[in-house]
Amino acid sequence: MTESAIRMSETGELLLSGVLDYRSGPGLRKEGAALIKASSAPALVVDCAAVEKSSSVGLSLLLCFMRDAQAAGKALTIRALPEDMREIAQVSELTELLAHP
């Protein structure tokens, strides 16, 4: 398993990777909020293709990032939501909130 991370790509996308759980969540939360705030883009994409495993913490992170973007007046979409996160979203009735616009 790789170390969890969130970083801004050259194209301005937020790339979320690794294992999302109670250990990695707080750090990713702070880093993601700072990246969203620092971005000059009017719309952001969080790409989850490199997420290896996620607990409900991963879903909570995405919801926090959506709230951060909204507070900054930016649109945010989620791409490549892994199956485990999709299942948690279904059980939590959050699928529509995380769906593409």
N, C-alpha and C. Protein backbone atom coordinates (compact mmCIF):
# COMPACT_ATOMS: atom_id res chain seq x y z
N MET A 1 0.84 -1.18 0.00
CA MET A 1 0.00 0.00 0.00
C MET A 1 0.88 1.24 0.00
N THR A 2 0.43 2.23 -0.72
CA THR A 2 1.20 3.46 -0.81
C THR A 2 0.73 4.45 0.25
N GLU A 3 1.55 5.45 0.46
CA GLU A 3 1.20 6.49 1.41
C GLU A 3 0.06 7.33 0.84
N SER A 4 -0.83 7.74 1.69
CA SER A 4 -1.97 8.57 1.26
C SER A 4 -1.49 9.97 0.95
N ALA A 5 -2.10 10.58 -0.06
CA ALA A 5 -1.70 11.94 -0.44
C ALA A 5 -2.82 12.62 -1.21
N ILE A 6 -2.76 13.94 -1.20
CA ILE A 6 -3.58 14.75 -2.11
C ILE A 6 -2.64 15.81 -2.66
N ARG A 7 -2.66 15.96 -3.97
CA ARG A 7 -1.79 16.95 -4.60
C ARG A 7 -2.50 17.54 -5.81
N MET A 8 -2.00 18.69 -6.23
CA MET A 8 -2.55 19.37 -7.40
C MET A 8 -1.73 18.95 -8.61
N SER A 9 -2.40 18.48 -9.66
CA SER A 9 -1.70 18.09 -10.88
C SER A 9 -1.37 19.33 -11.70
N GLU A 10 -0.60 19.12 -12.76
CA GLU A 10 -0.25 20.22 -13.65
C GLU A 10 -1.48 20.81 -14.34
N THR A 11 -2.52 19.97 -14.48
CA THR A 11 -3.74 20.44 -15.14
C THR A 11 -4.75 21.03 -14.15
N GLY A 12 -4.35 21.11 -12.88
CA GLY A 12 -5.22 21.74 -11.89
C GLY A 12 -6.21 20.80 -11.22
N GLU A 13 -6.05 19.50 -11.42
CA GLU A 13 -6.93 18.54 -10.75
C GLU A 13 -6.32 18.14 -9.41
N LEU A 14 -7.19 17.88 -8.45
CA LEU A 14 -6.74 17.37 -7.16
C LEU A 14 -6.68 15.84 -7.27
N LEU A 15 -5.51 15.28 -7.02
CA LEU A 15 -5.32 13.84 -7.14
C LEU A 15 -5.24 13.24 -5.74
N LEU A 16 -6.24 12.43 -5.40
CA LEU A 16 -6.32 11.79 -4.10
C LEU A 16 -5.83 10.36 -4.26
N SER A 17 -4.94 9.91 -3.37
CA SER A 17 -4.38 8.57 -3.54
C SER A 17 -4.10 7.88 -2.21
N GLY A 18 -3.93 6.55 -2.29
CA GLY A 18 -3.56 5.76 -1.13
C GLY A 18 -4.75 5.23 -0.36
N VAL A 19 -4.54 5.02 0.92
CA VAL A 19 -5.56 4.48 1.82
C VAL A 19 -6.16 5.63 2.62
N LEU A 20 -7.48 5.73 2.57
CA LEU A 20 -8.19 6.80 3.28
C LEU A 20 -8.84 6.20 4.52
N ASP A 21 -8.29 6.53 5.68
CA ASP A 21 -8.84 6.01 6.93
C ASP A 21 -8.59 7.00 8.06
N TYR A 22 -8.84 6.58 9.27
CA TYR A 22 -8.72 7.50 10.41
C TYR A 22 -7.29 8.00 10.60
N ARG A 23 -6.30 7.25 10.13
CA ARG A 23 -4.90 7.69 10.28
C ARG A 23 -4.55 8.78 9.26
N SER A 24 -5.00 8.61 8.03
CA SER A 24 -4.63 9.55 6.97
C SER A 24 -5.60 10.73 6.85
N GLY A 25 -6.82 10.56 7.32
CA GLY A 25 -7.86 11.57 7.14
C GLY A 25 -7.53 12.98 7.60
N PRO A 26 -7.08 13.18 8.84
CA PRO A 26 -6.83 14.55 9.30
C PRO A 26 -5.80 15.31 8.46
N GLY A 27 -4.72 14.66 8.10
CA GLY A 27 -3.70 15.32 7.28
C GLY A 27 -4.21 15.65 5.89
N LEU A 28 -4.93 14.69 5.29
CA LEU A 28 -5.49 14.93 3.95
C LEU A 28 -6.52 16.05 3.99
N ARG A 29 -7.25 16.12 5.08
CA ARG A 29 -8.27 17.17 5.24
C ARG A 29 -7.62 18.55 5.18
N LYS A 30 -6.55 18.73 5.94
CA LYS A 30 -5.85 20.02 5.98
C LYS A 30 -5.21 20.35 4.64
N GLU A 31 -4.54 19.37 4.05
CA GLU A 31 -3.86 19.59 2.77
C GLU A 31 -4.86 19.92 1.66
N GLY A 32 -5.95 19.16 1.62
CA GLY A 32 -6.97 19.39 0.58
C GLY A 32 -7.61 20.77 0.72
N ALA A 33 -7.92 21.16 1.94
CA ALA A 33 -8.53 22.48 2.16
C ALA A 33 -7.59 23.59 1.69
N ALA A 34 -6.30 23.44 1.97
CA ALA A 34 -5.32 24.45 1.55
C ALA A 34 -5.20 24.50 0.03
N LEU A 35 -5.20 23.34 -0.62
CA LEU A 35 -5.11 23.30 -2.09
C LEU A 35 -6.33 23.94 -2.74
N ILE A 36 -7.50 23.66 -2.20
CA ILE A 36 -8.74 24.24 -2.74
C ILE A 36 -8.72 25.75 -2.59
N LYS A 37 -8.33 26.22 -1.42
CA LYS A 37 -8.29 27.65 -1.16
C LYS A 37 -7.27 28.36 -2.06
N ALA A 38 -6.13 27.72 -2.28
CA ALA A 38 -5.05 28.33 -3.06
C ALA A 38 -5.31 28.31 -4.57
N SER A 39 -6.19 27.45 -5.03
CA SER A 39 -6.43 27.33 -6.46
C SER A 39 -7.17 28.55 -7.00
N SER A 40 -6.75 29.00 -8.18
CA SER A 40 -7.43 30.13 -8.81
C SER A 40 -8.50 29.66 -9.80
N ALA A 41 -8.62 28.35 -9.97
CA ALA A 41 -9.61 27.79 -10.90
C ALA A 41 -11.03 27.97 -10.37
N PRO A 42 -11.98 28.29 -11.25
CA PRO A 42 -13.37 28.44 -10.82
C PRO A 42 -14.06 27.09 -10.58
N ALA A 43 -13.48 26.01 -11.13
CA ALA A 43 -14.04 24.67 -10.97
C ALA A 43 -12.90 23.69 -10.76
N LEU A 44 -13.10 22.78 -9.83
CA LEU A 44 -12.08 21.79 -9.49
C LEU A 44 -12.61 20.38 -9.67
N VAL A 45 -11.70 19.46 -9.92
CA VAL A 45 -12.03 18.04 -10.01
C VAL A 45 -11.17 17.31 -9.00
N VAL A 46 -11.78 16.42 -8.21
CA VAL A 46 -11.03 15.54 -7.34
C VAL A 46 -11.03 14.17 -8.01
N ASP A 47 -9.85 13.73 -8.42
CA ASP A 47 -9.70 12.44 -9.08
C ASP A 47 -9.33 11.40 -8.03
N CYS A 48 -10.17 10.38 -7.89
CA CYS A 48 -9.97 9.34 -6.87
C CYS A 48 -9.45 8.04 -7.47
N ALA A 49 -8.98 8.05 -8.70
CA ALA A 49 -8.56 6.84 -9.39
C ALA A 49 -7.43 6.10 -8.65
N ALA A 50 -6.59 6.82 -7.92
CA ALA A 50 -5.46 6.20 -7.24
C ALA A 50 -5.76 5.85 -5.77
N VAL A 51 -7.02 5.97 -5.36
CA VAL A 51 -7.39 5.57 -3.99
C VAL A 51 -7.41 4.04 -3.96
N GLU A 52 -6.62 3.47 -3.06
CA GLU A 52 -6.51 2.00 -2.97
C GLU A 52 -7.59 1.39 -2.11
N LYS A 53 -7.92 2.06 -1.01
CA LYS A 53 -8.91 1.55 -0.07
C LYS A 53 -9.44 2.73 0.73
N SER A 54 -10.71 2.65 1.08
CA SER A 54 -11.30 3.75 1.82
C SER A 54 -12.33 3.27 2.82
N SER A 55 -12.31 3.87 3.98
CA SER A 55 -13.37 3.69 4.96
C SER A 55 -14.34 4.86 4.75
N SER A 56 -15.24 5.04 5.67
CA SER A 56 -16.15 6.18 5.58
C SER A 56 -15.41 7.51 5.69
N VAL A 57 -14.17 7.47 6.17
CA VAL A 57 -13.35 8.68 6.25
C VAL A 57 -13.16 9.30 4.86
N GLY A 58 -12.96 8.46 3.85
CA GLY A 58 -12.78 8.96 2.49
C GLY A 58 -13.99 9.73 2.01
N LEU A 59 -15.16 9.21 2.30
CA LEU A 59 -16.39 9.88 1.91
C LEU A 59 -16.53 11.20 2.66
N SER A 60 -16.19 11.19 3.92
CA SER A 60 -16.24 12.42 4.71
C SER A 60 -15.28 13.47 4.14
N LEU A 61 -14.10 13.03 3.72
CA LEU A 61 -13.14 13.96 3.10
C LEU A 61 -13.74 14.63 1.87
N LEU A 62 -14.36 13.83 1.02
CA LEU A 62 -14.95 14.39 -0.20
C LEU A 62 -16.04 15.41 0.12
N LEU A 63 -16.85 15.10 1.11
CA LEU A 63 -17.90 16.03 1.51
C LEU A 63 -17.30 17.32 2.07
N CYS A 64 -16.22 17.20 2.84
CA CYS A 64 -15.53 18.39 3.36
C CYS A 64 -14.94 19.21 2.22
N PHE A 65 -14.34 18.53 1.24
CA PHE A 65 -13.77 19.25 0.10
C PHE A 65 -14.86 19.97 -0.69
N MET A 66 -16.03 19.35 -0.81
CA MET A 66 -17.15 20.00 -1.49
C MET A 66 -17.57 21.26 -0.74
N ARG A 67 -17.61 21.17 0.57
CA ARG A 67 -17.97 22.32 1.40
C ARG A 67 -16.92 23.42 1.30
N ASP A 68 -15.63 23.03 1.30
CA ASP A 68 -14.55 24.00 1.14
C ASP A 68 -14.65 24.74 -0.19
N ALA A 69 -14.91 23.98 -1.25
CA ALA A 69 -15.01 24.59 -2.58
C ALA A 69 -16.20 25.54 -2.64
N GLN A 70 -17.32 25.12 -2.08
CA GLN A 70 -18.50 25.97 -2.07
C GLN A 70 -18.23 27.27 -1.32
N ALA A 71 -17.55 27.18 -0.19
CA ALA A 71 -17.22 28.36 0.59
C ALA A 71 -16.29 29.30 -0.17
N ALA A 72 -15.47 28.73 -1.05
CA ALA A 72 -14.54 29.53 -1.86
C ALA A 72 -15.16 29.98 -3.18
N GLY A 73 -16.44 29.64 -3.39
CA GLY A 73 -17.13 30.04 -4.61
C GLY A 73 -16.71 29.25 -5.83
N LYS A 74 -16.28 27.99 -5.62
CA LYS A 74 -15.82 27.15 -6.72
C LYS A 74 -16.69 25.91 -6.84
N ALA A 75 -16.84 25.45 -8.06
CA ALA A 75 -17.54 24.18 -8.30
C ALA A 75 -16.55 23.05 -8.07
N LEU A 76 -17.03 21.90 -7.59
CA LEU A 76 -16.16 20.76 -7.39
C LEU A 76 -16.88 19.50 -7.83
N THR A 77 -16.23 18.69 -8.63
CA THR A 77 -16.79 17.40 -9.04
C THR A 77 -15.82 16.29 -8.65
N ILE A 78 -16.37 15.10 -8.51
CA ILE A 78 -15.61 13.92 -8.12
C ILE A 78 -15.52 13.00 -9.34
N ARG A 79 -14.31 12.49 -9.59
CA ARG A 79 -14.14 11.57 -10.71
C ARG A 79 -13.50 10.27 -10.21
N ALA A 80 -13.90 9.16 -10.83
CA ALA A 80 -13.32 7.84 -10.56
C ALA A 80 -13.49 7.41 -9.11
N LEU A 81 -14.70 7.53 -8.60
CA LEU A 81 -15.00 7.11 -7.23
C LEU A 81 -14.83 5.60 -7.14
N PRO A 82 -13.95 5.11 -6.27
CA PRO A 82 -13.74 3.66 -6.14
C PRO A 82 -14.99 2.94 -5.65
N GLU A 83 -15.05 1.65 -5.94
CA GLU A 83 -16.23 0.85 -5.60
C GLU A 83 -16.53 0.88 -4.10
N ASP A 84 -15.52 0.78 -3.23
CA ASP A 84 -15.82 0.78 -1.79
C ASP A 84 -16.42 2.11 -1.35
N MET A 85 -15.95 3.21 -1.92
CA MET A 85 -16.52 4.52 -1.58
C MET A 85 -17.92 4.65 -2.15
N ARG A 86 -18.13 4.11 -3.33
CA ARG A 86 -19.46 4.15 -3.96
C ARG A 86 -20.48 3.38 -3.11
N GLU A 87 -20.06 2.24 -2.58
CA GLU A 87 -20.95 1.44 -1.73
C GLU A 87 -21.31 2.18 -0.45
N ILE A 88 -20.33 2.82 0.18
CA ILE A 88 -20.59 3.59 1.39
C ILE A 88 -21.54 4.75 1.07
N ALA A 89 -21.34 5.39 -0.07
CA ALA A 89 -22.21 6.49 -0.48
C ALA A 89 -23.64 6.01 -0.69
N GLN A 90 -23.80 4.81 -1.26
CA GLN A 90 -25.14 4.27 -1.47
C GLN A 90 -25.84 4.02 -0.15
N VAL A 91 -25.15 3.37 0.77
CA VAL A 91 -25.73 3.07 2.08
C VAL A 91 -26.08 4.37 2.82
N SER A 92 -25.25 5.38 2.64
CA SER A 92 -25.44 6.66 3.32
C SER A 92 -26.39 7.60 2.56
N GLU A 93 -26.89 7.14 1.42
CA GLU A 93 -27.78 7.92 0.56
C GLU A 93 -27.14 9.23 0.11
N LEU A 94 -25.86 9.14 -0.26
CA LEU A 94 -25.11 10.30 -0.72
C LEU A 94 -24.72 10.20 -2.20
N THR A 95 -25.17 9.16 -2.87
CA THR A 95 -24.77 8.92 -4.25
C THR A 95 -25.08 10.12 -5.16
N GLU A 96 -26.26 10.68 -5.04
CA GLU A 96 -26.64 11.81 -5.90
C GLU A 96 -25.78 13.03 -5.62
N LEU A 97 -25.42 13.24 -4.38
CA LEU A 97 -24.59 14.40 -4.01
C LEU A 97 -23.21 14.30 -4.63
N LEU A 98 -22.70 13.09 -4.76
CA LEU A 98 -21.36 12.88 -5.29
C LEU A 98 -21.34 12.65 -6.81
N ALA A 99 -22.52 12.55 -7.41
CA ALA A 99 -22.60 12.27 -8.84
C ALA A 99 -22.12 13.47 -9.66
N HIS A 100 -21.73 13.18 -10.90
CA HIS A 100 -21.33 14.24 -11.82
C HIS A 100 -22.52 15.17 -12.08
N PRO A 101 -22.24 16.47 -12.21
CA PRO A 101 -23.34 17.42 -12.48
C PRO A 101 -23.92 17.23 -13.87
